[in-house]
Amino acid sequence: MIPAAKDPLIQRRAAAPHTSMFLRLLLRAAVLRRGRAASALLAMVVAAAAATAMLNLYVDVQAKLWREFRNYGANMVVVARDGQELPTDALAAVESVLDGGSVAVPFAYAVARTTDGRSIVVAGTDFEQVRRLDRWWSVTAWPKASHDALVGKRAVAVGSPGQPLELSFRGRTIQLNPVGTLQTGAAEDSRVYISLADFSEWTGVPYSSIEISASGSAEQTSATLHRLAQVLPGAEVRPVRQVMEGEARVLGKMRSTLLVAAILIILTAGVCVLSTLTGWVADRRRDFAIMKALGASGGMLQGFFAAEAASMGVVGALIGFALGVGVADWIGRANFHAPVNPRFGVLPLILLGGVVISLLAAIAPISLLRRVQPANILRGE
């Protein structure tokens, strides 16, 4: 038989008697009052899960919406001022300002004539970049070879796919091979698009505009506009208002909706925890009275109760974080057909929020502890 003085368990308890007793009291309080503990814990789990889902959705969905908005074309454009031309290095200057996720596409325009004398707008551009910029365009087939052309739906009368098309500009002609049709419902439907290299060789007209799809938030886009105006002082840099204002409006409404929903859920959880903790104190008045009668100070009882509340907040936050990540992923798949990546960077914020909510909800019950009078309670008064 191991002597009591050498028993490892007894030695550990002797080395940390206060910690061991403290943890046992916390566990016993939760076990003996499972109903109230479970209701308060459930409220914290719901609050943490909602906050986690909202934060994950806000960060991830905002990035997805930015990418979706970029599919709707340019959000800013650089054009030559009246009577002037863009500098020859304008495209290089624009690309030097943009980040890796942005797209800049040059466009050159000329009014050409067909063999029967009809006028048609011809645009020269970089088809590879246009496919990245204007993913919303409805195209049957994209030009790939030299002298291939993309014909707008309303311009098909001058050149149908598979039939050669001859155009003239300032006495110079070009033979084109229409390979596909374009439909956008806008001015593009009345144009013929060819490669910028073919256009420049045929007309000698430089590009007159650069359409840009700049990634980032509204603030980052505004900063990009400012930098472009600085590097191209002789050009006019302006935003595409419909795209930028629509993006800001959608993101603003999403931000407000998620914030209001999270606040309402957290406030509801806080009220539930407050009610539970207040009832918890009322149920345990006799226990606290005995602890005071045995020598426990008021500060010790208040600290013990605050530790119970904080522990409940931590456990609820951890469980709620796991559930919130799953809820956010489900919402992303159901509404955006793409998973929402878990943001583990919000876990410390969720833990801190759980502890803060629990401690704030414990303020009123702790004030009740100060009024516990052992003599009156133990006499049954």
Protein backbone atom coordinates (compact mmCIF):
# COMPACT_ATOMS: atom_id res chain seq x y z
CA MET A 1 0.00 0.00 0.00
CA ILE A 2 1.36 3.42 -0.97
CA PRO A 3 1.74 5.79 2.03
CA ALA A 4 -0.59 8.78 1.85
CA ALA A 5 2.38 11.15 1.83
CA LYS A 6 3.74 9.50 -1.32
CA ASP A 7 0.46 9.09 -3.19
CA PRO A 8 0.92 10.99 -6.55
CA LEU A 9 -2.75 12.04 -6.66
CA ILE A 10 -2.60 13.46 -3.15
CA GLN A 11 0.67 15.23 -3.94
CA ARG A 12 -0.83 16.87 -7.05
CA ARG A 13 -3.89 17.98 -5.13
CA ALA A 14 -1.72 19.30 -2.33
CA ALA A 15 0.40 21.22 -4.83
CA ALA A 16 -2.65 22.92 -6.34
CA PRO A 17 -5.52 22.57 -3.86
CA HIS A 18 -7.28 25.76 -4.85
CA THR A 19 -7.19 24.97 -8.57
CA SER A 20 -8.45 21.42 -8.06
CA MET A 21 -11.30 22.49 -5.81
CA PHE A 22 -12.18 25.37 -8.13
CA LEU A 23 -12.49 23.08 -11.16
CA ARG A 24 -14.50 20.52 -9.19
CA LEU A 25 -16.93 23.22 -8.07
CA LEU A 26 -17.33 24.45 -11.64
CA LEU A 27 -18.01 20.94 -12.92
CA ARG A 28 -20.39 20.10 -10.05
CA ALA A 29 -22.39 23.31 -10.60
CA ALA A 30 -22.88 22.41 -14.26
CA VAL A 31 -23.75 18.77 -13.54
CA LEU A 32 -26.24 19.40 -10.72
CA ARG A 33 -28.06 22.12 -12.67
CA ARG A 34 -27.93 20.61 -16.11
CA GLY A 35 -31.19 22.20 -17.26
CA ARG A 36 -30.16 25.80 -16.63
CA ALA A 37 -26.58 25.19 -17.75
CA ALA A 38 -27.81 23.60 -20.98
CA SER A 39 -30.18 26.50 -21.78
CA ALA A 40 -27.47 29.11 -21.19
CA LEU A 41 -24.93 27.07 -23.16
CA LEU A 42 -27.42 26.65 -26.02
CA ALA A 43 -27.93 30.41 -26.17
CA MET A 44 -24.17 30.96 -26.37
CA VAL A 45 -23.82 28.27 -29.04
CA VAL A 46 -26.54 29.89 -31.15
CA ALA A 47 -24.97 33.34 -30.78
CA ALA A 48 -21.47 32.07 -31.59
CA ALA A 49 -22.73 30.01 -34.54
CA ALA A 50 -24.63 32.98 -35.96
CA ALA A 51 -21.68 35.34 -35.52
CA THR A 52 -19.29 32.81 -37.08
CA ALA A 53 -21.58 32.20 -40.04
CA MET A 54 -22.10 35.94 -40.58
CA LEU A 55 -18.39 36.75 -40.41
CA ASN A 56 -17.44 33.88 -42.72
CA LEU A 57 -20.15 34.84 -45.17
CA TYR A 58 -19.24 38.52 -45.03
CA VAL A 59 -15.58 37.92 -45.83
CA ASP A 60 -15.98 35.08 -48.32
CA VAL A 61 -19.17 36.21 -50.06
CA GLN A 62 -17.80 39.73 -50.45
CA ALA A 63 -14.83 38.28 -52.35
CA LYS A 64 -17.20 36.14 -54.45
CA LEU A 65 -19.37 39.16 -55.24
CA TRP A 66 -16.30 41.13 -56.32
CA ARG A 67 -15.42 38.33 -58.72
CA GLU A 68 -19.00 38.17 -59.98
CA PHE A 69 -19.09 41.91 -60.61
CA ARG A 70 -15.86 41.64 -62.58
CA ASN A 71 -17.74 39.31 -64.96
CA TYR A 72 -20.00 42.20 -65.94
CA GLY A 73 -17.26 44.12 -67.70
CA ALA A 74 -15.27 47.24 -67.04
CA ASN A 75 -15.77 49.39 -63.96
CA MET A 76 -13.58 52.23 -65.29
CA VAL A 77 -12.43 53.52 -68.65
CA VAL A 78 -9.54 55.63 -69.95
CA VAL A 79 -10.31 57.71 -73.05
CA ALA A 80 -8.52 60.36 -75.06
CA ARG A 81 -9.60 63.94 -74.53
CA ASP A 82 -11.38 65.76 -77.35
CA GLY A 83 -9.06 66.38 -80.27
CA GLN A 84 -6.23 64.37 -78.70
CA GLU A 85 -4.90 60.83 -78.77
CA LEU A 86 -3.85 58.51 -76.00
CA PRO A 87 -0.08 58.28 -75.48
CA THR A 88 1.52 55.32 -77.21
CA ASP A 89 2.53 53.90 -73.82
CA ALA A 90 -0.90 54.43 -72.24
CA LEU A 91 -1.66 50.71 -71.97
CA ALA A 92 1.70 50.01 -70.33
CA ALA A 93 1.11 52.88 -67.90
CA VAL A 94 -2.32 51.51 -66.98
CA GLU A 95 -0.99 47.98 -66.45
CA SER A 96 1.76 49.33 -64.19
CA VAL A 97 -0.89 50.68 -61.82
CA LEU A 98 -3.19 47.65 -61.76
CA ASP A 99 -2.71 44.58 -59.61
CA GLY A 100 -2.55 41.01 -60.86
CA GLY A 101 -6.30 40.38 -60.69
CA SER A 102 -7.25 43.34 -62.89
CA VAL A 103 -7.73 43.46 -66.67
CA ALA A 104 -7.07 46.31 -69.12
CA VAL A 105 -8.22 46.04 -72.75
CA PRO A 106 -7.47 48.59 -75.51
CA PHE A 107 -10.10 49.45 -78.14
CA ALA A 108 -9.68 51.28 -81.45
CA TYR A 109 -12.59 52.34 -83.66
CA ALA A 110 -13.12 53.30 -87.29
CA VAL A 111 -16.12 53.70 -89.59
CA ALA A 112 -15.55 51.52 -92.67
CA ARG A 113 -17.63 50.83 -95.77
CA THR A 114 -18.76 47.59 -97.31
CA THR A 115 -18.57 46.82 -101.04
CA ASP A 116 -22.18 48.00 -101.45
CA GLY A 117 -21.46 51.34 -99.74
CA ARG A 118 -22.96 50.70 -96.30
CA SER A 119 -21.20 52.11 -93.24
CA ILE A 120 -20.17 49.86 -90.36
CA VAL A 121 -18.25 50.49 -87.14
CA VAL A 122 -15.14 48.31 -86.90
CA ALA A 123 -13.37 47.86 -83.58
CA GLY A 124 -9.90 46.52 -83.01
CA THR A 125 -9.10 44.86 -79.71
CA ASP A 126 -7.25 42.07 -77.92
CA PHE A 127 -9.61 39.09 -78.02
CA GLU A 128 -7.80 37.15 -75.30
CA GLN A 129 -8.19 40.04 -72.87
CA VAL A 130 -11.77 40.75 -73.95
CA ARG A 131 -12.72 37.18 -73.06
CA ARG A 132 -11.49 37.89 -69.52
CA LEU A 133 -13.07 41.35 -69.33
CA ASP A 134 -16.49 40.74 -70.88
CA ARG A 135 -17.43 37.22 -69.87
CA TRP A 136 -21.08 38.17 -70.16
CA TRP A 137 -20.81 38.54 -73.95
CA SER A 138 -22.75 35.86 -75.84
CA VAL A 139 -20.34 34.66 -78.55
CA THR A 140 -20.82 31.69 -80.87
CA ALA A 141 -17.11 31.41 -81.74
CA TRP A 142 -14.09 33.58 -80.92
CA PRO A 143 -11.60 34.68 -83.61
CA LYS A 144 -8.29 32.86 -83.41
CA ALA A 145 -6.38 33.57 -86.63
CA SER A 146 -5.32 36.71 -88.44
CA HIS A 147 -8.15 38.45 -90.34
CA ASP A 148 -10.79 36.54 -88.38
CA ALA A 149 -13.74 38.71 -87.38
CA LEU A 150 -16.48 38.71 -84.75
CA VAL A 151 -19.72 40.17 -86.13
CA GLY A 152 -22.43 41.74 -83.97
CA LYS A 153 -25.93 40.30 -84.24
CA ARG A 154 -27.36 43.44 -85.89
CA ALA A 155 -24.34 43.67 -88.24
CA VAL A 156 -24.73 40.12 -89.59
CA ALA A 157 -26.31 41.56 -92.76
CA VAL A 158 -22.88 42.86 -93.85
CA GLY A 159 -21.00 39.67 -93.03
CA SER A 160 -22.35 36.32 -91.99
CA PRO A 161 -20.09 33.62 -90.48
CA GLY A 162 -18.48 31.56 -93.22
CA GLN A 163 -18.87 34.27 -95.90
CA PRO A 164 -15.89 36.54 -96.78
CA LEU A 165 -16.27 40.19 -95.84
CA GLU A 166 -14.46 43.06 -97.60
CA LEU A 167 -14.24 46.44 -95.91
CA SER A 168 -12.55 49.69 -96.96
CA PHE A 169 -11.24 52.62 -94.94
CA ARG A 170 -9.61 55.68 -96.48
CA GLY A 171 -8.98 53.82 -99.69
CA ARG A 172 -7.47 50.74 -98.03
CA THR A 173 -9.31 47.42 -98.06
CA ILE A 174 -9.17 44.35 -95.89
CA GLN A 175 -10.52 40.85 -96.44
CA LEU A 176 -12.09 39.41 -93.29
CA ASN A 177 -13.32 35.96 -92.35
CA PRO A 178 -16.33 36.20 -89.97
CA VAL A 179 -16.08 33.22 -87.63
CA GLY A 180 -18.67 34.05 -84.97
CA THR A 181 -21.53 36.31 -83.95
CA LEU A 182 -21.80 38.53 -80.88
CA GLN A 183 -24.91 39.42 -78.88
CA THR A 184 -24.92 41.78 -75.91
CA GLY A 185 -28.13 43.77 -76.37
CA ALA A 186 -26.06 46.97 -76.57
CA ALA A 187 -23.98 48.92 -79.09
CA GLU A 188 -21.60 45.98 -79.57
CA ASP A 189 -24.28 44.20 -81.61
CA SER A 190 -23.83 46.75 -84.43
CA ARG A 191 -20.05 46.40 -84.75
CA VAL A 192 -17.48 44.16 -86.36
CA TYR A 193 -14.56 43.22 -84.11
CA ILE A 194 -11.10 42.28 -85.38
CA SER A 195 -7.72 41.89 -83.71
CA LEU A 196 -5.93 45.10 -82.78
CA ALA A 197 -2.91 44.04 -84.88
CA ASP A 198 -5.06 43.64 -88.02
CA PHE A 199 -6.86 46.89 -87.27
CA SER A 200 -3.66 48.92 -86.83
CA GLU A 201 -2.07 47.48 -89.97
CA TRP A 202 -5.21 48.22 -91.99
CA THR A 203 -6.25 51.68 -90.69
CA GLY A 204 -3.18 53.06 -88.94
CA VAL A 205 -5.55 54.39 -86.24
CA PRO A 206 -4.27 53.97 -82.66
CA TYR A 207 -6.47 52.73 -79.85
CA SER A 208 -8.57 55.52 -78.35
CA SER A 209 -9.88 53.92 -75.16
CA ILE A 210 -8.87 51.39 -72.52
CA GLU A 211 -11.56 49.53 -70.61
CA ILE A 212 -10.48 48.36 -67.17
CA SER A 213 -11.85 45.85 -64.72
CA ALA A 214 -10.09 46.69 -61.45
CA SER A 215 -10.45 44.28 -58.55
CA GLY A 216 -10.91 45.30 -54.94
CA SER A 217 -13.35 47.20 -52.76
CA ALA A 218 -14.94 50.55 -53.59
CA GLU A 219 -12.17 52.32 -51.67
CA GLN A 220 -9.46 50.40 -53.53
CA THR A 221 -11.14 51.13 -56.87
CA SER A 222 -11.28 54.84 -56.07
CA ALA A 223 -7.58 54.77 -55.20
CA THR A 224 -6.86 53.06 -58.54
CA LEU A 225 -8.77 55.79 -60.37
CA HIS A 226 -6.69 58.43 -58.62
CA ARG A 227 -3.40 56.71 -59.50
CA LEU A 228 -4.45 56.31 -63.15
CA ALA A 229 -5.26 60.01 -63.36
CA GLN A 230 -1.78 60.75 -62.04
CA VAL A 231 0.10 58.52 -64.52
CA LEU A 232 -2.07 59.69 -67.46
CA PRO A 233 -2.60 63.42 -66.92
CA GLY A 234 -3.42 63.97 -70.60
CA ALA A 235 -6.24 61.40 -70.66
CA GLU A 236 -9.69 61.28 -69.13
CA VAL A 237 -10.10 58.58 -66.48
CA ARG A 238 -13.65 57.97 -65.36
CA PRO A 239 -15.59 55.21 -63.59
CA VAL A 240 -18.40 53.22 -65.14
CA ARG A 241 -21.04 54.50 -62.74
CA GLN A 242 -23.62 51.75 -63.26
CA VAL A 243 -21.15 48.99 -62.32
CA MET A 244 -19.42 50.77 -59.45
CA GLU A 245 -22.60 52.14 -57.88
CA GLY A 246 -24.36 48.79 -58.27
CA GLU A 247 -21.43 47.03 -56.63
CA ALA A 248 -21.30 49.50 -53.73
CA ARG A 249 -25.07 49.27 -53.25
CA VAL A 250 -25.17 45.46 -53.17
CA LEU A 251 -22.15 45.15 -50.88
CA GLY A 252 -23.50 47.87 -48.59
CA LYS A 253 -26.88 46.16 -48.23
CA MET A 254 -25.21 42.80 -47.63
CA ARG A 255 -22.97 44.31 -44.96
CA SER A 256 -25.91 46.00 -43.21
CA THR A 257 -28.11 42.90 -43.34
CA LEU A 258 -25.44 40.61 -41.90
CA LEU A 259 -24.54 43.13 -39.20
CA VAL A 260 -28.13 43.71 -38.08
CA ALA A 261 -28.89 39.98 -38.07
CA ALA A 262 -25.78 39.21 -36.01
CA ILE A 263 -26.53 41.99 -33.50
CA LEU A 264 -30.14 40.85 -33.00
CA ILE A 265 -29.11 37.23 -32.47
CA ILE A 266 -26.33 38.19 -30.06
CA LEU A 267 -28.64 40.47 -28.05
CA THR A 268 -31.24 37.71 -27.85
CA ALA A 269 -28.60 35.26 -26.66
CA GLY A 270 -27.35 37.79 -24.10
CA VAL A 271 -30.86 38.22 -22.66
CA CYS A 272 -31.27 34.44 -22.48
CA VAL A 273 -27.94 34.05 -20.67
CA LEU A 274 -28.85 36.89 -18.28
CA SER A 275 -32.15 35.23 -17.41
CA THR A 276 -30.47 31.87 -16.92
CA LEU A 277 -27.70 33.23 -14.71
CA THR A 278 -30.16 35.22 -12.61
CA GLY A 279 -32.21 32.07 -12.00
CA TRP A 280 -28.98 30.21 -11.31
CA VAL A 281 -28.14 32.61 -8.47
CA ALA A 282 -31.66 32.35 -7.05
CA ASP A 283 -31.46 28.55 -7.04
CA ARG A 284 -28.06 28.54 -5.35
CA ARG A 285 -28.55 31.21 -2.69
CA ARG A 286 -28.27 28.58 0.03
CA ASP A 287 -25.04 27.17 -1.49
CA PHE A 288 -23.48 30.63 -1.63
CA ALA A 289 -24.64 31.35 1.90
CA ILE A 290 -22.91 28.20 3.17
CA MET A 291 -19.73 29.14 1.30
CA LYS A 292 -19.83 32.59 2.92
CA ALA A 293 -20.46 31.07 6.32
CA LEU A 294 -17.41 28.83 5.84
CA GLY A 295 -15.22 31.84 5.21
CA ALA A 296 -15.48 32.55 1.48
CA SER A 297 -15.22 36.26 0.77
CA GLY A 298 -17.66 38.17 -1.40
CA GLY A 299 -14.93 38.75 -3.99
CA MET A 300 -14.20 35.02 -4.14
CA LEU A 301 -17.87 34.17 -4.73
CA GLN A 302 -18.19 36.84 -7.40
CA GLY A 303 -15.00 35.61 -9.08
CA PHE A 304 -16.24 32.03 -8.94
CA PHE A 305 -19.56 33.00 -10.52
CA ALA A 306 -17.81 35.11 -13.20
CA ALA A 307 -15.52 32.15 -13.96
CA GLU A 308 -18.58 29.92 -14.38
CA ALA A 309 -20.08 32.41 -16.83
CA ALA A 310 -16.79 32.86 -18.73
CA SER A 311 -16.27 29.09 -18.96
CA MET A 312 -19.74 28.72 -20.39
CA GLY A 313 -18.94 31.46 -22.89
CA VAL A 314 -15.73 29.73 -24.02
CA VAL A 315 -17.38 26.31 -24.44
CA GLY A 316 -20.35 27.82 -26.24
CA ALA A 317 -18.06 29.83 -28.53
CA LEU A 318 -16.03 26.75 -29.51
CA ILE A 319 -19.10 24.65 -30.26
CA GLY A 320 -20.80 27.56 -32.01
CA PHE A 321 -17.73 28.25 -34.16
CA ALA A 322 -17.75 24.68 -35.46
CA LEU A 323 -21.49 24.85 -36.18
CA GLY A 324 -21.18 28.32 -37.73
CA VAL A 325 -18.51 27.16 -40.17
CA GLY A 326 -20.82 24.36 -41.29
CA VAL A 327 -23.80 26.72 -41.62
CA ALA A 328 -21.78 29.22 -43.68
CA ASP A 329 -20.58 26.44 -45.98
CA TRP A 330 -24.14 25.20 -46.46
CA ILE A 331 -25.42 28.72 -47.27
CA GLY A 332 -22.57 29.21 -49.74
CA ARG A 333 -23.29 25.96 -51.55
CA ALA A 334 -27.06 26.57 -51.58
CA ASN A 335 -26.93 30.17 -52.80
CA PHE A 336 -23.60 30.59 -54.59
CA HIS A 337 -22.97 26.98 -55.65
CA ALA A 338 -19.51 27.24 -54.09
CA PRO A 339 -18.16 26.41 -50.63
CA VAL A 340 -17.43 29.18 -48.13
CA ASN A 341 -13.90 28.68 -46.85
CA PRO A 342 -13.66 28.68 -43.03
CA ARG A 343 -11.94 31.77 -41.67
CA PHE A 344 -10.06 30.56 -38.59
CA GLY A 345 -8.89 34.10 -38.03
CA VAL A 346 -12.34 34.91 -36.60
CA LEU A 347 -12.05 32.23 -33.88
CA PRO A 348 -10.25 34.52 -31.38
CA LEU A 349 -12.92 37.15 -31.99
CA ILE A 350 -15.70 34.62 -31.40
CA LEU A 351 -14.03 33.40 -28.19
CA LEU A 352 -13.58 36.95 -26.94
CA GLY A 353 -17.17 37.78 -27.83
CA GLY A 354 -18.46 34.70 -25.99
CA VAL A 355 -16.56 35.62 -22.83
CA VAL A 356 -17.63 39.27 -23.00
CA ILE A 357 -21.32 38.43 -23.51
CA SER A 358 -21.24 35.96 -20.61
CA LEU A 359 -19.51 38.41 -18.28
CA LEU A 360 -21.86 41.25 -19.21
CA ALA A 361 -24.83 38.98 -18.60
CA ALA A 362 -23.31 38.03 -15.21
CA ILE A 363 -23.10 41.63 -13.94
CA ALA A 364 -26.70 41.74 -12.64
CA PRO A 365 -26.59 38.26 -11.03
CA ILE A 366 -23.26 39.10 -9.37
CA SER A 367 -24.89 42.14 -7.77
CA LEU A 368 -27.43 39.74 -6.23
CA LEU A 369 -24.56 37.76 -4.68
CA ARG A 370 -23.46 40.84 -2.75
CA ARG A 371 -26.83 40.88 -0.96
CA VAL A 372 -26.63 37.24 0.17
CA GLN A 373 -26.80 37.20 3.99
CA PRO A 374 -25.76 33.76 5.30
CA ALA A 375 -27.52 34.11 8.69
CA ASN A 376 -30.91 35.00 7.20
CA ILE A 377 -30.77 32.38 4.46
CA LEU A 378 -29.61 29.56 6.71
CA ARG A 379 -32.40 30.38 9.18
CA GLY A 380 -34.83 29.96 6.28
CA GLU A 381 -35.78 33.63 5.99
